[in-house]
Amino acid sequence: MTADSPLTGRLDDDDYPAYTMGRAAEMIGASPGFLRALGEARLITPLRSEGGHRRYSRYQLRIAARARELVDQGTPVEAACRIVILEDQLEEAQRLNAEYRAAADKDPGSH
């Protein structure tokens, strides 16, 4: 296997659904039921294998881990999911704002 093989690309891909439900739950220190609850709350939507089994990406596991932190602090699951969604939206808005500012700084005539 070379460094440029398709497998290497998938393993480096944050969105590649590489983890089974059991492994994903183990990695974030939660139960499979917790992951199902996050799916029901529509915080994360795991992809399904050909056999219908849930598969999670590293990106989804980071989101689930953040929700677990909030739940561990006493936040109800539904509220934790909403908080994580809002945090994600804020981060994206800040990223876009920084890009727009950087573009405007490069082109002073656009002000």
N, C-alpha and C. Protein backbone atom coordinates (compact mmCIF):
# COMPACT_ATOMS: atom_id res chain seq x y z
N MET A 1 0.86 -1.18 0.00
CA MET A 1 0.00 0.00 0.00
C MET A 1 0.90 1.23 0.00
N THR A 2 0.63 2.16 -0.88
CA THR A 2 1.42 3.38 -0.97
C THR A 2 0.75 4.50 -0.18
N ALA A 3 1.50 5.55 0.04
CA ALA A 3 0.96 6.70 0.78
C ALA A 3 -0.19 7.37 0.03
N ASP A 4 -0.26 7.15 -1.28
CA ASP A 4 -1.31 7.78 -2.08
C ASP A 4 -2.47 6.83 -2.37
N SER A 5 -2.56 5.73 -1.68
CA SER A 5 -3.61 4.76 -1.96
C SER A 5 -4.97 5.30 -1.55
N PRO A 6 -6.04 4.80 -2.17
CA PRO A 6 -7.39 5.26 -1.81
C PRO A 6 -7.71 5.03 -0.33
N LEU A 7 -7.21 3.94 0.24
CA LEU A 7 -7.47 3.65 1.66
C LEU A 7 -6.88 4.74 2.55
N THR A 8 -5.65 5.15 2.26
CA THR A 8 -5.01 6.20 3.05
C THR A 8 -5.84 7.47 3.01
N GLY A 9 -6.35 7.82 1.84
CA GLY A 9 -7.18 9.02 1.72
C GLY A 9 -8.43 8.93 2.57
N ARG A 10 -9.06 7.78 2.60
CA ARG A 10 -10.28 7.62 3.41
C ARG A 10 -9.96 7.69 4.90
N LEU A 11 -8.83 7.13 5.30
CA LEU A 11 -8.48 7.15 6.73
C LEU A 11 -8.16 8.56 7.21
N ASP A 12 -7.67 9.39 6.31
CA ASP A 12 -7.36 10.78 6.65
C ASP A 12 -8.59 11.68 6.57
N ASP A 13 -9.66 11.19 5.98
CA ASP A 13 -10.87 11.98 5.76
C ASP A 13 -11.71 12.03 7.04
N ASP A 14 -11.89 13.24 7.58
CA ASP A 14 -12.68 13.42 8.80
C ASP A 14 -14.13 12.98 8.65
N ASP A 15 -14.62 12.96 7.41
CA ASP A 15 -16.02 12.63 7.17
C ASP A 15 -16.24 11.17 6.75
N TYR A 16 -15.16 10.40 6.65
CA TYR A 16 -15.31 9.00 6.27
C TYR A 16 -15.91 8.20 7.43
N PRO A 17 -17.00 7.49 7.20
CA PRO A 17 -17.67 6.75 8.28
C PRO A 17 -16.95 5.44 8.62
N ALA A 18 -15.89 5.55 9.39
CA ALA A 18 -15.01 4.41 9.65
C ALA A 18 -15.36 3.63 10.91
N TYR A 19 -16.18 4.17 11.79
CA TYR A 19 -16.37 3.57 13.11
C TYR A 19 -17.76 2.97 13.30
N THR A 20 -17.79 1.75 13.80
CA THR A 20 -19.05 1.10 14.13
C THR A 20 -19.65 1.78 15.36
N MET A 21 -20.90 1.52 15.62
CA MET A 21 -21.55 2.13 16.78
C MET A 21 -20.83 1.75 18.07
N GLY A 22 -20.50 0.47 18.22
CA GLY A 22 -19.83 0.03 19.44
C GLY A 22 -18.49 0.71 19.64
N ARG A 23 -17.71 0.78 18.59
CA ARG A 23 -16.39 1.42 18.67
C ARG A 23 -16.54 2.92 18.90
N ALA A 24 -17.48 3.54 18.23
CA ALA A 24 -17.71 4.97 18.40
C ALA A 24 -18.11 5.29 19.84
N ALA A 25 -19.01 4.49 20.39
CA ALA A 25 -19.45 4.70 21.78
C ALA A 25 -18.28 4.53 22.74
N GLU A 26 -17.47 3.52 22.49
CA GLU A 26 -16.30 3.27 23.34
C GLU A 26 -15.32 4.45 23.28
N MET A 27 -15.12 4.98 22.09
CA MET A 27 -14.16 6.07 21.90
C MET A 27 -14.56 7.34 22.65
N ILE A 28 -15.86 7.61 22.75
CA ILE A 28 -16.28 8.84 23.44
C ILE A 28 -16.75 8.56 24.87
N GLY A 29 -16.65 7.31 25.29
CA GLY A 29 -17.03 6.97 26.66
C GLY A 29 -18.52 7.06 26.91
N ALA A 30 -19.30 6.65 25.92
CA ALA A 30 -20.76 6.70 26.04
C ALA A 30 -21.33 5.34 25.67
N SER A 31 -22.63 5.24 25.74
CA SER A 31 -23.31 4.01 25.37
C SER A 31 -23.84 4.12 23.94
N PRO A 32 -24.09 2.99 23.29
CA PRO A 32 -24.73 3.05 21.98
C PRO A 32 -26.08 3.78 22.05
N GLY A 33 -26.79 3.64 23.17
CA GLY A 33 -28.05 4.34 23.34
C GLY A 33 -27.88 5.85 23.29
N PHE A 34 -26.77 6.34 23.84
CA PHE A 34 -26.50 7.77 23.79
C PHE A 34 -26.33 8.22 22.34
N LEU A 35 -25.59 7.44 21.55
CA LEU A 35 -25.42 7.78 20.14
C LEU A 35 -26.75 7.73 19.40
N ARG A 36 -27.59 6.77 19.73
CA ARG A 36 -28.92 6.72 19.10
C ARG A 36 -29.72 7.96 19.46
N ALA A 37 -29.62 8.40 20.73
CA ALA A 37 -30.35 9.60 21.17
C ALA A 37 -29.87 10.83 20.40
N LEU A 38 -28.57 10.92 20.12
CA LEU A 38 -28.06 12.04 19.35
C LEU A 38 -28.60 12.00 17.92
N GLY A 39 -28.74 10.80 17.40
CA GLY A 39 -29.33 10.65 16.07
C GLY A 39 -30.79 11.05 16.06
N GLU A 40 -31.53 10.65 17.09
CA GLU A 40 -32.95 11.01 17.19
C GLU A 40 -33.13 12.51 17.33
N ALA A 41 -32.18 13.16 18.01
CA ALA A 41 -32.23 14.62 18.18
C ALA A 41 -31.67 15.32 16.94
N ARG A 42 -31.21 14.55 15.96
CA ARG A 42 -30.68 15.04 14.69
C ARG A 42 -29.40 15.87 14.84
N LEU A 43 -28.64 15.57 15.89
CA LEU A 43 -27.34 16.22 16.02
C LEU A 43 -26.36 15.59 15.03
N ILE A 44 -26.37 14.28 14.96
CA ILE A 44 -25.55 13.57 13.98
C ILE A 44 -26.41 12.54 13.28
N THR A 45 -26.10 12.30 12.04
CA THR A 45 -26.81 11.29 11.25
C THR A 45 -25.77 10.32 10.71
N PRO A 46 -25.61 9.18 11.35
CA PRO A 46 -24.60 8.23 10.88
C PRO A 46 -24.98 7.66 9.52
N LEU A 47 -23.97 7.36 8.75
CA LEU A 47 -24.23 6.65 7.50
C LEU A 47 -24.50 5.20 7.84
N ARG A 48 -25.05 4.47 6.90
CA ARG A 48 -25.35 3.05 7.14
C ARG A 48 -24.50 2.19 6.21
N SER A 49 -24.01 1.10 6.77
CA SER A 49 -23.27 0.14 5.96
C SER A 49 -24.26 -0.60 5.06
N GLU A 50 -23.75 -1.41 4.15
CA GLU A 50 -24.64 -2.18 3.28
C GLU A 50 -25.56 -3.07 4.10
N GLY A 51 -25.10 -3.51 5.26
CA GLY A 51 -25.92 -4.35 6.13
C GLY A 51 -26.86 -3.56 7.03
N GLY A 52 -26.84 -2.23 6.92
CA GLY A 52 -27.74 -1.39 7.70
C GLY A 52 -27.18 -0.94 9.04
N HIS A 53 -25.92 -1.23 9.32
CA HIS A 53 -25.31 -0.85 10.59
C HIS A 53 -24.84 0.60 10.54
N ARG A 54 -24.98 1.29 11.66
CA ARG A 54 -24.55 2.68 11.74
C ARG A 54 -23.04 2.77 11.69
N ARG A 55 -22.55 3.79 10.97
CA ARG A 55 -21.12 4.07 10.86
C ARG A 55 -20.91 5.56 11.12
N TYR A 56 -19.90 5.86 11.94
CA TYR A 56 -19.64 7.24 12.36
C TYR A 56 -18.28 7.71 11.87
N SER A 57 -18.20 9.00 11.58
CA SER A 57 -16.94 9.62 11.16
C SER A 57 -16.25 10.26 12.36
N ARG A 58 -14.99 10.62 12.18
CA ARG A 58 -14.28 11.32 13.26
C ARG A 58 -14.94 12.65 13.57
N TYR A 59 -15.40 13.35 12.55
CA TYR A 59 -16.10 14.62 12.76
C TYR A 59 -17.34 14.40 13.63
N GLN A 60 -18.13 13.39 13.32
CA GLN A 60 -19.33 13.10 14.11
C GLN A 60 -18.96 12.72 15.54
N LEU A 61 -17.85 12.03 15.72
CA LEU A 61 -17.44 11.66 17.07
C LEU A 61 -17.02 12.87 17.89
N ARG A 62 -16.40 13.85 17.24
CA ARG A 62 -16.06 15.08 17.97
C ARG A 62 -17.33 15.80 18.43
N ILE A 63 -18.32 15.85 17.57
CA ILE A 63 -19.59 16.48 17.93
C ILE A 63 -20.26 15.71 19.07
N ALA A 64 -20.27 14.39 18.95
CA ALA A 64 -20.89 13.55 19.99
C ALA A 64 -20.15 13.71 21.32
N ALA A 65 -18.83 13.81 21.27
CA ALA A 65 -18.05 13.98 22.50
C ALA A 65 -18.38 15.30 23.17
N ARG A 66 -18.57 16.35 22.38
CA ARG A 66 -18.94 17.65 22.95
C ARG A 66 -20.32 17.57 23.61
N ALA A 67 -21.25 16.90 22.96
CA ALA A 67 -22.59 16.74 23.54
C ALA A 67 -22.49 15.94 24.84
N ARG A 68 -21.65 14.92 24.84
CA ARG A 68 -21.48 14.10 26.05
C ARG A 68 -20.94 14.95 27.20
N GLU A 69 -19.99 15.84 26.92
CA GLU A 69 -19.46 16.73 27.96
C GLU A 69 -20.59 17.54 28.59
N LEU A 70 -21.45 18.10 27.75
CA LEU A 70 -22.56 18.91 28.26
C LEU A 70 -23.54 18.07 29.07
N VAL A 71 -23.84 16.88 28.59
CA VAL A 71 -24.76 15.99 29.31
C VAL A 71 -24.14 15.60 30.66
N ASP A 72 -22.84 15.33 30.66
CA ASP A 72 -22.16 14.98 31.91
C ASP A 72 -22.21 16.12 32.92
N GLN A 73 -22.35 17.35 32.43
CA GLN A 73 -22.44 18.53 33.31
C GLN A 73 -23.88 18.80 33.75
N GLY A 74 -24.82 17.93 33.31
CA GLY A 74 -26.20 18.06 33.74
C GLY A 74 -27.15 18.65 32.72
N THR A 75 -26.69 18.92 31.52
CA THR A 75 -27.55 19.47 30.48
C THR A 75 -28.38 18.35 29.86
N PRO A 76 -29.68 18.53 29.69
CA PRO A 76 -30.49 17.51 29.02
C PRO A 76 -29.99 17.28 27.59
N VAL A 77 -30.15 16.07 27.08
CA VAL A 77 -29.64 15.70 25.76
C VAL A 77 -30.14 16.65 24.68
N GLU A 78 -31.43 16.94 24.66
CA GLU A 78 -31.98 17.82 23.62
C GLU A 78 -31.32 19.20 23.68
N ALA A 79 -31.15 19.75 24.87
CA ALA A 79 -30.52 21.07 25.03
C ALA A 79 -29.04 21.00 24.64
N ALA A 80 -28.36 19.93 25.01
CA ALA A 80 -26.95 19.76 24.64
C ALA A 80 -26.80 19.74 23.12
N CYS A 81 -27.70 19.06 22.45
CA CYS A 81 -27.66 18.99 20.99
C CYS A 81 -27.83 20.38 20.39
N ARG A 82 -28.78 21.13 20.92
CA ARG A 82 -29.03 22.49 20.41
C ARG A 82 -27.81 23.38 20.64
N ILE A 83 -27.20 23.27 21.80
CA ILE A 83 -26.00 24.07 22.11
C ILE A 83 -24.88 23.74 21.13
N VAL A 84 -24.65 22.46 20.89
CA VAL A 84 -23.58 22.05 19.98
C VAL A 84 -23.86 22.56 18.57
N ILE A 85 -25.10 22.49 18.12
CA ILE A 85 -25.46 23.01 16.79
C ILE A 85 -25.19 24.51 16.72
N LEU A 86 -25.59 25.24 17.75
CA LEU A 86 -25.37 26.69 17.75
C LEU A 86 -23.88 27.03 17.80
N GLU A 87 -23.11 26.28 18.58
CA GLU A 87 -21.67 26.51 18.63
C GLU A 87 -21.04 26.28 17.25
N ASP A 88 -21.49 25.23 16.57
CA ASP A 88 -20.97 24.90 15.24
C ASP A 88 -21.32 26.01 14.25
N GLN A 89 -22.56 26.51 14.31
CA GLN A 89 -22.99 27.59 13.42
C GLN A 89 -22.19 28.87 13.69
N LEU A 90 -21.95 29.17 14.96
CA LEU A 90 -21.17 30.35 15.31
C LEU A 90 -19.74 30.23 14.79
N GLU A 91 -19.14 29.07 14.96
CA GLU A 91 -17.78 28.85 14.47
C GLU A 91 -17.70 29.04 12.96
N GLU A 92 -18.68 28.52 12.24
CA GLU A 92 -18.71 28.67 10.78
C GLU A 92 -18.89 30.13 10.39
N ALA A 93 -19.76 30.84 11.07
CA ALA A 93 -19.98 32.26 10.77
C ALA A 93 -18.70 33.07 11.03
N GLN A 94 -18.01 32.76 12.11
CA GLN A 94 -16.76 33.47 12.42
C GLN A 94 -15.69 33.17 11.37
N ARG A 95 -15.64 31.93 10.89
CA ARG A 95 -14.69 31.55 9.86
C ARG A 95 -14.97 32.32 8.57
N LEU A 96 -16.24 32.37 8.17
CA LEU A 96 -16.61 33.10 6.96
C LEU A 96 -16.32 34.60 7.10
N ASN A 97 -16.61 35.16 8.25
CA ASN A 97 -16.35 36.57 8.51
C ASN A 97 -14.86 36.87 8.37
N ALA A 98 -14.02 35.99 8.91
CA ALA A 98 -12.57 36.18 8.81
C ALA A 98 -12.12 36.11 7.35
N GLU A 99 -12.70 35.19 6.57
CA GLU A 99 -12.37 35.09 5.15
C GLU A 99 -12.76 36.37 4.42
N TYR A 100 -13.96 36.89 4.69
CA TYR A 100 -14.42 38.11 4.03
C TYR A 100 -13.53 39.29 4.40
N ARG A 101 -13.13 39.37 5.66
CA ARG A 101 -12.25 40.46 6.09
C ARG A 101 -10.89 40.36 5.41
N ALA A 102 -10.36 39.14 5.32
CA ALA A 102 -9.06 38.95 4.68
C ALA A 102 -9.14 39.34 3.20
N ALA A 103 -10.23 38.98 2.54
CA ALA A 103 -10.41 39.33 1.12
C ALA A 103 -10.53 40.85 0.97
N ALA A 104 -11.25 41.49 1.88
CA ALA A 104 -11.43 42.95 1.81
C ALA A 104 -10.11 43.66 2.07
N ASP A 105 -9.26 43.11 2.96
CA ASP A 105 -7.96 43.72 3.24
C ASP A 105 -7.03 43.62 2.03
N LYS A 106 -7.18 42.57 1.24
CA LYS A 106 -6.36 42.41 0.04
C LYS A 106 -6.78 43.35 -1.08
N ASP A 107 -8.06 43.74 -1.07
CA ASP A 107 -8.61 44.60 -2.11
C ASP A 107 -9.17 45.86 -1.46
N PRO A 108 -8.31 46.85 -1.16
CA PRO A 108 -8.77 48.05 -0.46
C PRO A 108 -9.85 48.83 -1.21
N GLY A 109 -9.95 48.68 -2.52
CA GLY A 109 -10.97 49.39 -3.28
C GLY A 109 -12.36 48.85 -3.07
N SER A 110 -12.51 47.73 -2.37
CA SER A 110 -13.83 47.12 -2.19
C SER A 110 -14.59 47.70 -1.00
N HIS A 111 -13.94 48.57 -0.23
CA HIS A 111 -14.59 49.14 0.98
C HIS A 111 -15.56 50.22 0.59
